C-alpha atoms as a PDB file:
ATOM      1  CA  MET A   1       7.154   1.611  30.335  1.00  0.00           C
ATOM      2  CA  PRO A   2       9.802   2.798  27.816  1.00  0.00           C
ATOM      3  CA  ARG A   3       9.379   6.378  26.612  1.00  0.00           C
ATOM      4  CA  THR A   4      10.276   7.194  22.989  1.00  0.00           C
ATOM      5  CA  LEU A   5      10.583  10.435  21.004  1.00  0.00           C
ATOM      6  CA  ILE A   6      10.042  10.209  17.241  1.00  0.00           C
ATOM      7  CA  THR A   7      10.879  13.360  15.288  1.00  0.00           C
ATOM      8  CA  GLY A   8       9.027  13.649  12.003  1.00  0.00           C
ATOM      9  CA  GLY A   9       6.335  11.653  13.795  1.00  0.00           C
ATOM     10  CA  ALA A  10       3.470  13.043  11.700  1.00  0.00           C
ATOM     11  CA  GLY A  11       5.126  12.062   8.431  1.00  0.00           C
ATOM     12  CA  PHE A  12       4.715   8.979   6.269  1.00  0.00           C
ATOM     13  CA  LEU A  13       7.345   6.846   7.994  1.00  0.00           C
ATOM     14  CA  GLY A  14       7.098   8.549  11.370  1.00  0.00           C
ATOM     15  CA  SER A  15       3.381   7.877  11.789  1.00  0.00           C
ATOM     16  CA  HIS A  16       3.870   4.154  11.103  1.00  0.00           C
ATOM     17  CA  LEU A  17       6.674   4.102  13.667  1.00  0.00           C
ATOM     18  CA  VAL A  18       4.403   5.767  16.226  1.00  0.00           C
ATOM     19  CA  GLU A  19       1.890   2.941  15.759  1.00  0.00           C
ATOM     20  CA  ARG A  20       4.555   0.239  16.062  1.00  0.00           C
ATOM     21  CA  PHE A  21       6.089   1.660  19.230  1.00  0.00           C
ATOM     22  CA  LEU A  22       2.692   2.101  20.880  1.00  0.00           C
ATOM     23  CA  ALA A  23       1.912  -1.517  19.979  1.00  0.00           C
ATOM     24  CA  GLU A  24       5.194  -2.546  21.605  1.00  0.00           C
ATOM     25  CA  GLY A  25       4.119  -0.921  24.880  1.00  0.00           C
ATOM     26  CA  HIS A  26       6.032   2.354  24.630  1.00  0.00           C
ATOM     27  CA  GLU A  27       4.860   5.801  25.602  1.00  0.00           C
ATOM     28  CA  VAL A  28       5.426   7.847  22.441  1.00  0.00           C
ATOM     29  CA  ILE A  29       6.043  11.535  21.827  1.00  0.00           C
ATOM     30  CA  ALA A  30       5.815  12.608  18.181  1.00  0.00           C
ATOM     31  CA  MET A  31       7.491  15.882  17.186  1.00  0.00           C
ATOM     32  CA  ASP A  32       6.904  17.525  13.809  1.00  0.00           C
ATOM     33  CA  ASN A  33       6.772  21.041  12.349  1.00  0.00           C
ATOM     34  CA  LEU A  34       4.190  19.869   9.757  1.00  0.00           C
ATOM     35  CA  ILE A  35       6.081  21.254   6.768  1.00  0.00           C
ATOM     36  CA  THR A  36       5.726  17.906   5.000  1.00  0.00           C
ATOM     37  CA  GLY A  37       3.997  15.900   7.747  1.00  0.00           C
ATOM     38  CA  SER A  38       0.272  15.958   8.462  1.00  0.00           C
ATOM     39  CA  LEU A  39      -1.928  15.651  11.517  1.00  0.00           C
ATOM     40  CA  VAL A  40      -4.171  13.477   9.344  1.00  0.00           C
ATOM     41  CA  ASN A  41      -1.524  10.749   9.637  1.00  0.00           C
ATOM     42  CA  ILE A  42      -1.873  10.541  13.412  1.00  0.00           C
ATOM     43  CA  ASP A  43      -5.369  11.809  14.223  1.00  0.00           C
ATOM     44  CA  HIS A  44      -6.688   8.227  14.332  1.00  0.00           C
ATOM     45  CA  ILE A  45      -4.394   7.386  17.256  1.00  0.00           C
ATOM     46  CA  ARG A  46      -6.378   7.222  20.475  1.00  0.00           C
ATOM     47  CA  SER A  47      -4.036   6.501  23.354  1.00  0.00           C
ATOM     48  CA  ASP A  48      -3.220   8.195  26.643  1.00  0.00           C
ATOM     49  CA  LYS A  49       0.347   7.024  25.970  1.00  0.00           C
ATOM     50  CA  PHE A  50       0.721   9.289  22.933  1.00  0.00           C
ATOM     51  CA  ARG A  51       1.504  12.998  22.737  1.00  0.00           C
ATOM     52  CA  PHE A  52       2.164  15.312  19.800  1.00  0.00           C
ATOM     53  CA  ILE A  53       4.424  18.363  19.950  1.00  0.00           C
ATOM     54  CA  LYS A  54       4.559  20.815  17.070  1.00  0.00           C
ATOM     55  CA  GLN A  55       8.155  21.993  16.871  1.00  0.00           C
ATOM     56  CA  ASP A  56      11.027  22.455  14.466  1.00  0.00           C
ATOM     57  CA  VAL A  57      13.841  20.160  15.612  1.00  0.00           C
ATOM     58  CA  THR A  58      16.490  22.673  14.562  1.00  0.00           C
ATOM     59  CA  GLU A  59      15.458  24.647  17.656  1.00  0.00           C
ATOM     60  CA  PHE A  60      16.319  23.712  21.234  1.00  0.00           C
ATOM     61  CA  ILE A  61      14.341  20.654  22.365  1.00  0.00           C
ATOM     62  CA  TYR A  62      13.104  20.517  25.947  1.00  0.00           C
ATOM     63  CA  ILE A  63      11.108  17.539  27.197  1.00  0.00           C
ATOM     64  CA  THR A  64      10.434  16.840  30.847  1.00  0.00           C
ATOM     65  CA  GLY A  65      10.861  13.388  32.287  1.00  0.00           C
ATOM     66  CA  PRO A  66      12.870  10.418  31.087  1.00  0.00           C
ATOM     67  CA  ILE A  67      13.417   9.442  27.453  1.00  0.00           C
ATOM     68  CA  ASP A  68      14.688   5.964  26.615  1.00  0.00           C
ATOM     69  CA  TYR A  69      14.841   6.160  22.803  1.00  0.00           C
ATOM     70  CA  VAL A  70      15.172   9.013  20.303  1.00  0.00           C
ATOM     71  CA  LEU A  71      14.418   8.319  16.631  1.00  0.00           C
ATOM     72  CA  HIS A  72      15.359  11.199  14.324  1.00  0.00           C
ATOM     73  CA  PHE A  73      13.131  11.000  11.247  1.00  0.00           C
ATOM     74  CA  ALA A  74      12.510  14.707  10.688  1.00  0.00           C
ATOM     75  CA  SER A  75      13.532  15.806   7.183  1.00  0.00           C
ATOM     76  CA  PRO A  76      12.087  16.522   3.768  1.00  0.00           C
ATOM     77  CA  ALA A  77      12.608  13.235   1.920  1.00  0.00           C
ATOM     78  CA  SER A  78      11.361  13.637  -1.638  1.00  0.00           C
ATOM     79  CA  PRO A  79      13.198  15.527  -4.406  1.00  0.00           C
ATOM     80  CA  ILE A  80      10.315  17.979  -4.828  1.00  0.00           C
ATOM     81  CA  ASP A  81      10.479  18.871  -1.130  1.00  0.00           C
ATOM     82  CA  TYR A  82      14.217  19.145  -0.626  1.00  0.00           C
ATOM     83  CA  LEU A  83      14.739  21.036  -3.884  1.00  0.00           C
ATOM     84  CA  ARG A  84      12.004  23.462  -2.756  1.00  0.00           C
ATOM     85  CA  MET A  85      13.491  23.722   0.736  1.00  0.00           C
ATOM     86  CA  PRO A  86      17.247  23.253   0.328  1.00  0.00           C
ATOM     87  CA  ILE A  87      18.336  25.315   3.333  1.00  0.00           C
ATOM     88  CA  GLN A  88      15.775  23.728   5.659  1.00  0.00           C
ATOM     89  CA  THR A  89      16.911  20.283   4.485  1.00  0.00           C
ATOM     90  CA  LEU A  90      20.543  21.042   5.279  1.00  0.00           C
ATOM     91  CA  LYS A  91      19.592  22.553   8.644  1.00  0.00           C
ATOM     92  CA  VAL A  92      17.539  19.561   9.781  1.00  0.00           C
ATOM     93  CA  GLY A  93      20.413  17.248   8.815  1.00  0.00           C
ATOM     94  CA  ALA A  94      22.942  19.351  10.715  1.00  0.00           C
ATOM     95  CA  LEU A  95      21.228  21.353  13.458  1.00  0.00           C
ATOM     96  CA  GLY A  96      18.331  18.913  13.875  1.00  0.00           C
ATOM     97  CA  THR A  97      20.693  15.976  14.283  1.00  0.00           C
ATOM     98  CA  HIS A  98      22.786  17.994  16.750  1.00  0.00           C
ATOM     99  CA  LYS A  99      19.735  18.917  18.831  1.00  0.00           C
ATOM    100  CA  THR A 100      18.310  15.395  18.924  1.00  0.00           C
ATOM    101  CA  LEU A 101      21.684  13.849  19.737  1.00  0.00           C
ATOM    102  CA  GLY A 102      22.083  16.401  22.519  1.00  0.00           C
ATOM    103  CA  LEU A 103      18.698  15.447  23.944  1.00  0.00           C
ATOM    104  CA  ALA A 104      19.536  11.735  23.750  1.00  0.00           C
ATOM    105  CA  ARG A 105      22.846  12.351  25.505  1.00  0.00           C
ATOM    106  CA  GLU A 106      21.188  14.373  28.277  1.00  0.00           C
ATOM    107  CA  LYS A 107      18.545  11.671  28.832  1.00  0.00           C
ATOM    108  CA  GLY A 108      20.899   8.709  28.458  1.00  0.00           C
ATOM    109  CA  ALA A 109      18.713   7.505  25.581  1.00  0.00           C
ATOM    110  CA  ARG A 110      19.565   5.233  22.679  1.00  0.00           C
ATOM    111  CA  PHE A 111      19.543   7.238  19.421  1.00  0.00           C
ATOM    112  CA  LEU A 112      18.557   6.080  15.931  1.00  0.00           C
ATOM    113  CA  LEU A 113      19.210   8.180  12.828  1.00  0.00           C
ATOM    114  CA  ALA A 114      17.100   7.791   9.709  1.00  0.00           C
ATOM    115  CA  SER A 115      19.666   7.924   6.927  1.00  0.00           C
ATOM    116  CA  THR A 116      19.109   7.031   3.300  1.00  0.00           C
ATOM    117  CA  SER A 117      20.335   5.116   0.282  1.00  0.00           C
ATOM    118  CA  GLU A 118      21.043   8.565  -1.170  1.00  0.00           C
ATOM    119  CA  VAL A 119      24.314   8.589   0.776  1.00  0.00           C
ATOM    120  CA  TYR A 120      25.550   6.247  -2.000  1.00  0.00           C
ATOM    121  CA  GLY A 121      24.715   8.877  -4.650  1.00  0.00           C
ATOM    122  CA  ASP A 122      24.836   7.569  -8.214  1.00  0.00           C
ATOM    123  CA  PRO A 123      26.620   4.378  -7.192  1.00  0.00           C
ATOM    124  CA  GLN A 124      29.584   2.819  -8.966  1.00  0.00           C
ATOM    125  CA  VAL A 125      29.225  -0.350  -6.855  1.00  0.00           C
ATOM    126  CA  HIS A 126      26.162  -2.567  -7.289  1.00  0.00           C
ATOM    127  CA  PRO A 127      24.415  -3.669  -5.154  1.00  0.00           C
ATOM    128  CA  GLN A 128      25.409  -1.207  -2.459  1.00  0.00           C
ATOM    129  CA  PRO A 129      26.943  -2.610   0.767  1.00  0.00           C
ATOM    130  CA  GLU A 130      27.286  -0.481   3.875  1.00  0.00           C
ATOM    131  CA  SER A 131      31.064  -0.434   3.348  1.00  0.00           C
ATOM    132  CA  TYR A 132      30.671   1.535   0.093  1.00  0.00           C
ATOM    133  CA  TRP A 133      31.489   5.234   0.600  1.00  0.00           C
ATOM    134  CA  GLY A 134      29.307   6.461  -2.229  1.00  0.00           C
ATOM    135  CA  HIS A 135      29.522   8.634  -5.326  1.00  0.00           C
ATOM    136  CA  VAL A 136      27.844  11.935  -4.471  1.00  0.00           C
ATOM    137  CA  ASN A 137      28.032  15.324  -6.170  1.00  0.00           C
ATOM    138  CA  PRO A 138      28.242  17.685  -3.171  1.00  0.00           C
ATOM    139  CA  ILE A 139      27.460  20.842  -5.175  1.00  0.00           C
ATOM    140  CA  GLY A 140      24.668  19.450  -7.351  1.00  0.00           C
ATOM    141  CA  PRO A 141      21.005  20.192  -6.586  1.00  0.00           C
ATOM    142  CA  ARG A 142      20.485  16.783  -4.924  1.00  0.00           C
ATOM    143  CA  GLY A 143      23.519  17.365  -2.718  1.00  0.00           C
ATOM    144  CA  VAL A 144      21.435  19.278  -0.183  1.00  0.00           C
ATOM    145  CA  TYR A 145      19.750  16.013   0.843  1.00  0.00           C
ATOM    146  CA  ASP A 146      22.594  13.588   0.191  1.00  0.00           C
ATOM    147  CA  GLU A 147      25.158  15.624   2.101  1.00  0.00           C
ATOM    148  CA  ALA A 148      22.744  16.485   4.915  1.00  0.00           C
ATOM    149  CA  LYS A 149      22.342  12.780   5.588  1.00  0.00           C
ATOM    150  CA  ARG A 150      26.055  12.022   5.179  1.00  0.00           C
ATOM    151  CA  TYR A 151      26.850  14.797   7.675  1.00  0.00           C
ATOM    152  CA  ALA A 152      24.167  13.483  10.035  1.00  0.00           C
ATOM    153  CA  GLU A 153      25.786  10.041   9.898  1.00  0.00           C
ATOM    154  CA  ALA A 154      29.210  11.555  10.654  1.00  0.00           C
ATOM    155  CA  MET A 155      27.835  13.474  13.626  1.00  0.00           C
ATOM    156  CA  THR A 156      26.029  10.409  14.958  1.00  0.00           C
ATOM    157  CA  MET A 157      29.206   8.330  14.805  1.00  0.00           C
ATOM    158  CA  ALA A 158      31.175  11.164  16.446  1.00  0.00           C
ATOM    159  CA  TYR A 159      28.745  11.216  19.381  1.00  0.00           C
ATOM    160  CA  GLN A 160      29.012   7.438  19.609  1.00  0.00           C
ATOM    161  CA  ARG A 161      32.799   7.520  19.730  1.00  0.00           C
ATOM    162  CA  PHE A 162      33.407  10.711  21.747  1.00  0.00           C
ATOM    163  CA  HIS A 163      30.480  10.609  24.176  1.00  0.00           C
ATOM    164  CA  LYS A 164      30.194   6.789  24.268  1.00  0.00           C
ATOM    165  CA  MET A 165      26.518   7.028  23.290  1.00  0.00           C
ATOM    166  CA  GLU A 166      24.352   4.156  22.090  1.00  0.00           C
ATOM    167  CA  THR A 167      23.558   5.075  18.483  1.00  0.00           C
ATOM    168  CA  ARG A 168      22.100   3.297  15.457  1.00  0.00           C
ATOM    169  CA  ILE A 169      21.935   4.325  11.775  1.00  0.00           C
ATOM    170  CA  VAL A 170      19.434   2.916   9.282  1.00  0.00           C
ATOM    171  CA  ARG A 171      20.011   3.502   5.575  1.00  0.00           C
ATOM    172  CA  ILE A 172      16.530   3.447   4.091  1.00  0.00           C
ATOM    173  CA  PHE A 173      15.933   2.436   0.475  1.00  0.00           C
ATOM    174  CA  ASN A 174      12.839   3.284  -1.590  1.00  0.00           C
ATOM    175  CA  THR A 175       9.840   2.720   0.668  1.00  0.00           C
ATOM    176  CA  TYR A 176       6.145   2.956  -0.181  1.00  0.00           C
ATOM    177  CA  GLY A 177       2.767   2.416   1.438  1.00  0.00           C
ATOM    178  CA  PRO A 178      -0.306   4.118   2.897  1.00  0.00           C
ATOM    179  CA  ARG A 179       0.047   7.765   4.001  1.00  0.00           C
ATOM    180  CA  MET A 180       2.484   8.766   1.296  1.00  0.00           C
ATOM    181  CA  ARG A 181       1.621  12.168  -0.114  1.00  0.00           C
ATOM    182  CA  LEU A 182       0.374  11.911  -3.671  1.00  0.00           C
ATOM    183  CA  SER A 183       2.060  15.226  -4.436  1.00  0.00           C
ATOM    184  CA  ASP A 184       5.491  14.410  -3.012  1.00  0.00           C
ATOM    185  CA  GLY A 185       7.069  13.617  -6.369  1.00  0.00           C
ATOM    186  CA  ARG A 186       8.344  10.112  -5.639  1.00  0.00           C
ATOM    187  CA  VAL A 187       7.677   7.458  -8.225  1.00  0.00           C
ATOM    188  CA  VAL A 188       5.094   5.326  -6.388  1.00  0.00           C
ATOM    189  CA  PRO A 189       2.585   8.070  -5.492  1.00  0.00           C
ATOM    190  CA  THR A 190       3.231   9.884  -8.769  1.00  0.00           C
ATOM    191  CA  PHE A 191       2.497   6.864 -10.955  1.00  0.00           C
ATOM    192  CA  VAL A 192      -0.500   5.791  -8.868  1.00  0.00           C
ATOM    193  CA  ASP A 193      -1.967   9.301  -8.860  1.00  0.00           C
ATOM    194  CA  GLN A 194      -1.501   9.697 -12.609  1.00  0.00           C
ATOM    195  CA  ALA A 195      -2.978   6.269 -13.354  1.00  0.00           C
ATOM    196  CA  LEU A 196      -6.023   6.840 -11.132  1.00  0.00           C
ATOM    197  CA  ARG A 197      -6.619  10.230 -12.745  1.00  0.00           C
ATOM    198  CA  GLY A 198      -6.265   8.825 -16.238  1.00  0.00           C
ATOM    199  CA  GLU A 199      -3.174  10.913 -16.962  1.00  0.00           C
ATOM    200  CA  PRO A 200      -0.010   9.741 -18.773  1.00  0.00           C
ATOM    201  CA  LEU A 201       2.683   8.245 -16.541  1.00  0.00           C
ATOM    202  CA  SER A 202       5.751  10.491 -16.355  1.00  0.00           C
ATOM    203  CA  VAL A 203       8.986   8.562 -16.832  1.00  0.00           C
ATOM    204  CA  TYR A 204      12.266  10.459 -16.628  1.00  0.00           C
ATOM    205  CA  GLY A 205      14.959   9.511 -19.097  1.00  0.00           C
ATOM    206  CA  ASP A 206      14.453   6.262 -20.981  1.00  0.00           C
ATOM    207  CA  GLY A 207      13.220   4.465 -17.865  1.00  0.00           C
ATOM    208  CA  SER A 208      16.160   2.067 -17.715  1.00  0.00           C
ATOM    209  CA  GLN A 209      17.221   3.312 -14.277  1.00  0.00           C
ATOM    210  CA  THR A 210      16.442   0.809 -11.528  1.00  0.00           C
ATOM    211  CA  ARG A 211      14.942   0.971  -8.049  1.00  0.00           C
ATOM    212  CA  SER A 212      14.062  -1.527  -5.305  1.00  0.00           C
ATOM    213  CA  PHE A 213      10.797  -0.978  -3.416  1.00  0.00           C
ATOM    214  CA  THR A 214      10.106  -1.904   0.224  1.00  0.00           C
ATOM    215  CA  PHE A 215       6.659  -1.899   1.837  1.00  0.00           C
ATOM    216  CA  VAL A 216       6.463   0.365   4.881  1.00  0.00           C
ATOM    217  CA  ASP A 217       5.522  -2.406   7.344  1.00  0.00           C
ATOM    218  CA  ASP A 218       8.696  -4.300   6.445  1.00  0.00           C
ATOM    219  CA  LEU A 219      10.819  -1.184   6.856  1.00  0.00           C
ATOM    220  CA  VAL A 220       9.338  -0.421  10.273  1.00  0.00           C
ATOM    221  CA  ASP A 221      10.090  -3.979  11.390  1.00  0.00           C
ATOM    222  CA  GLY A 222      13.700  -3.578  10.247  1.00  0.00           C
ATOM    223  CA  ILE A 223      14.023  -0.297  12.140  1.00  0.00           C
ATOM    224  CA  TRP A 224      12.631  -1.869  15.308  1.00  0.00           C
ATOM    225  CA  ARG A 225      15.039  -4.794  15.054  1.00  0.00           C
ATOM    226  CA  LEU A 226      18.002  -2.471  14.461  1.00  0.00           C
ATOM    227  CA  LEU A 227      17.132  -0.211  17.397  1.00  0.00           C
ATOM    228  CA  MET A 228      16.898  -3.186  19.746  1.00  0.00           C
ATOM    229  CA  SER A 229      20.072  -4.826  18.408  1.00  0.00           C
ATOM    230  CA  ASP A 230      23.723  -4.346  19.317  1.00  0.00           C
ATOM    231  CA  GLU A 231      24.657  -3.196  15.799  1.00  0.00           C
ATOM    232  CA  LYS A 232      26.384   0.199  16.058  1.00  0.00           C
ATOM    233  CA  GLU A 233      27.268   0.893  12.426  1.00  0.00           C
ATOM    234  CA  PRO A 234      24.947   1.703   9.486  1.00  0.00           C
ATOM    235  CA  VAL A 235      22.597  -0.998   8.224  1.00  0.00           C
ATOM    236  CA  ASN A 236      20.786  -1.092   4.872  1.00  0.00           C
ATOM    237  CA  ILE A 237      17.056  -1.807   5.104  1.00  0.00           C
ATOM    238  CA  GLY A 238      15.422  -2.365   1.731  1.00  0.00           C
ATOM    239  CA  SER A 239      14.297  -4.841  -0.876  1.00  0.00           C
ATOM    240  CA  GLN A 240      16.654  -6.609  -3.263  1.00  0.00           C
ATOM    241  CA  ASP A 241      13.929  -7.049  -5.901  1.00  0.00           C
ATOM    242  CA  GLU A 242      15.276  -4.592  -8.455  1.00  0.00           C
ATOM    243  CA  MET A 243      13.312  -3.425 -11.495  1.00  0.00           C
ATOM    244  CA  THR A 244      13.518  -0.694 -14.104  1.00  0.00           C
ATOM    245  CA  ILE A 245      11.262   2.318 -13.906  1.00  0.00           C
ATOM    246  CA  MET A 246       9.658   1.272 -17.190  1.00  0.00           C
ATOM    247  CA  GLU A 247       8.860  -2.154 -15.724  1.00  0.00           C
ATOM    248  CA  PHE A 248       7.436  -0.447 -12.666  1.00  0.00           C
ATOM    249  CA  ALA A 249       5.266   1.846 -14.801  1.00  0.00           C
ATOM    250  CA  GLU A 250       3.822  -1.177 -16.604  1.00  0.00           C
ATOM    251  CA  LEU A 251       3.086  -2.836 -13.255  1.00  0.00           C
ATOM    252  CA  ILE A 252       1.224   0.230 -12.008  1.00  0.00           C
ATOM    253  CA  ARG A 253      -0.857   0.302 -15.195  1.00  0.00           C
ATOM    254  CA  GLU A 254      -1.723  -3.362 -14.674  1.00  0.00           C
ATOM    255  CA  LEU A 255      -2.659  -3.027 -10.999  1.00  0.00           C
ATOM    256  CA  THR A 256      -4.768   0.097 -11.527  1.00  0.00           C
ATOM    257  CA  GLY A 257      -6.408  -1.292 -14.668  1.00  0.00           C
ATOM    258  CA  SER A 258      -5.311   1.819 -16.529  1.00  0.00           C
ATOM    259  CA  GLN A 259      -4.297   2.030 -20.178  1.00  0.00           C
ATOM    260  CA  VAL A 260      -2.811   5.518 -19.977  1.00  0.00           C
ATOM    261  CA  PRO A 261       0.255   6.167 -22.147  1.00  0.00           C
ATOM    262  CA  ILE A 262       3.785   6.614 -20.830  1.00  0.00           C
ATOM    263  CA  ILE A 263       5.548   9.871 -21.654  1.00  0.00           C
ATOM    264  CA  HIS A 264       9.238  10.609 -21.202  1.00  0.00           C
ATOM    265  CA  HIS A 265      10.845  13.685 -19.663  1.00  0.00           C
ATOM    266  CA  GLU A 266      14.438  14.825 -19.333  1.00  0.00           C
ATOM    267  CA  LEU A 267      16.346  12.962 -16.627  1.00  0.00           C
ATOM    268  CA  PRO A 268      17.018  15.149 -13.541  1.00  0.00           C
ATOM    269  CA  VAL A 269      20.597  16.133 -12.678  1.00  0.00           C
ATOM    270  CA  ASP A 270      22.505  13.438 -10.723  1.00  0.00           C
ATOM    271  CA  ASP A 271      19.568  11.015 -10.803  1.00  0.00           C
ATOM    272  CA  PRO A 272      20.926   7.596  -9.702  1.00  0.00           C
ATOM    273  CA  LYS A 273      21.056   5.007 -12.497  1.00  0.00           C
ATOM    274  CA  THR A 274      20.807   2.027 -10.163  1.00  0.00           C
ATOM    275  CA  ARG A 275      19.642   1.415  -6.630  1.00  0.00           C
ATOM    276  CA  ARG A 276      19.628  -1.932  -4.810  1.00  0.00           C
ATOM    277  CA  PRO A 277      20.855  -2.688  -1.293  1.00  0.00           C
ATOM    278  CA  ASP A 278      23.116  -5.451  -0.168  1.00  0.00           C
ATOM    279  CA  ILE A 279      21.141  -6.624   2.892  1.00  0.00           C
ATOM    280  CA  THR A 280      23.568  -9.304   4.072  1.00  0.00           C
ATOM    281  CA  LYS A 281      24.160  -7.431   7.340  1.00  0.00           C
ATOM    282  CA  ALA A 282      20.421  -7.012   8.022  1.00  0.00           C
ATOM    283  CA  ARG A 283      19.802 -10.709   7.390  1.00  0.00           C
ATOM    284  CA  GLU A 284      22.727 -11.960   9.457  1.00  0.00           C
ATOM    285  CA  ARG A 285      22.703  -9.523  12.375  1.00  0.00           C
ATOM    286  CA  LEU A 286      19.035  -8.538  12.630  1.00  0.00           C
ATOM    287  CA  GLY A 287      17.342 -11.640  11.237  1.00  0.00           C
ATOM    288  CA  TRP A 288      15.478  -9.297   8.891  1.00  0.00           C
ATOM    289  CA  LYS A 289      14.333  -9.523   5.302  1.00  0.00           C
ATOM    290  CA  PRO A 290      11.377  -7.967   3.479  1.00  0.00           C
ATOM    291  CA  ARG A 291       8.276 -10.162   3.563  1.00  0.00           C
ATOM    292  CA  THR A 292       5.589  -8.258   1.653  1.00  0.00           C
ATOM    293  CA  PRO A 293       5.450  -9.101  -2.078  1.00  0.00           C
ATOM    294  CA  LEU A 294       5.542  -6.006  -4.266  1.00  0.00           C
ATOM    295  CA  ARG A 295       2.150  -6.669  -5.846  1.00  0.00           C
ATOM    296  CA  GLU A 296       0.475  -7.108  -2.458  1.00  0.00           C
ATOM    297  CA  GLY A 297       2.018  -3.948  -1.045  1.00  0.00           C
ATOM    298  CA  LEU A 298       1.100  -1.927  -4.123  1.00  0.00           C
ATOM    299  CA  ARG A 299      -2.499  -3.160  -4.024  1.00  0.00           C
ATOM    300  CA  ARG A 300      -2.787  -2.008  -0.409  1.00  0.00           C
ATOM    301  CA  THR A 301      -1.223   1.333  -1.296  1.00  0.00           C
ATOM    302  CA  ILE A 302      -3.489   1.863  -4.308  1.00  0.00           C
ATOM    303  CA  GLU A 303      -6.565   1.069  -2.193  1.00  0.00           C
ATOM    304  CA  TYR A 304      -5.422   3.617   0.369  1.00  0.00           C
ATOM    305  CA  PHE A 305      -5.117   6.323  -2.274  1.00  0.00           C
ATOM    306  CA  LYS A 306      -8.524   5.435  -3.685  1.00  0.00           C
ATOM    307  CA  SER A 307     -10.221   5.521  -0.301  1.00  0.00           C
ATOM    308  CA  HIS A 308      -8.606   8.790   0.766  1.00  0.00           C
ATOM    309  CA  GLY A 309      -9.550  10.757  -2.285  1.00  0.00           C
ATOM    310  CA  GLY A 310      -6.100  12.069  -3.070  1.00  0.00           C
ATOM    311  CA  HIS A 311      -5.579  14.009   0.185  1.00  0.00           C
ATOM    312  CA  THR A 312      -2.061  15.328   0.677  1.00  0.00           C
ATOM    313  CA  ALA A 313      -0.217  16.544   3.718  1.00  0.00           C
ATOM    314  CA  ARG A 314      -0.121  20.059   2.320  1.00  0.00           C
ATOM    315  CA  GLU A 315      -3.918  20.080   2.081  1.00  0.00           C
ATOM    316  CA  ASN A 316      -4.360  18.675   5.576  1.00  0.00           C
ATOM    317  CA  ASN A 317      -1.814  20.257   7.891  1.00  0.00           C
ATOM    318  CA  ASP A 318      -2.721  23.173  10.093  1.00  0.00           C
ATOM    319  CA  GLU A 319      -0.533  25.827   8.479  1.00  0.00           C
END
């Protein structure tokens, strides 16, 4: 039975990965310090093949026994979180990546890094292929996340080249679905929360900036395929169905049956104007493409938020 460590395993993406790997017959260890993750996300898992360890991955990691795969998903991921915790975000990208790579090297495990579309910054190439080096402001407020992930990618590739390790890098584009925190500041939970509460939808700038949204099940499938593939360089996983934030706000109003107004706020510093992946590599080398229509995925996400009464990770962790 393969044995897999997933850091950030109590988070939004991490908890879905835990479920997928258990379903694939793996023994799974989830590691999380619960700063943005929540035990609520994993307390439904009933398996003698699953174990949770509360730990900060920037500290030395010791796990007995073999490990076959290490997936490094620990990091604040929303602007609210990484702007509130800039030093921790940089540390998990640098020290956390170093510690998890070191563990994978010691165990002879295959390593997968969760990177991000934010490595492209405010892109001057559209859509963004993996060959694009990006347009990032390293000293701007968003740089703490963007550069943490860019550094993590550089370290992962260095371990691959110098130590001959098996490594994979997934560049994740906007992902949504059940278990997102309503309070995390990203556009999907923010709009859904505001619409369900009967509050105006908050659009930053004029709303002409674009995003592409991927349902979490599709992302997890792409990550699985990448990990099990022979692809050693970064791969974009995301949807190519691009829409403006204003169009997305109107869609959320329609799906929630809400007639709340839309109000505009000042655009944050270095906010990307466009975001859409070129997924040619994922299609050709992984046989992957997103399969969940946006409306279907949003309906499932909205139902989750309705049924869970607006719980957030901050309200439900043990700190």
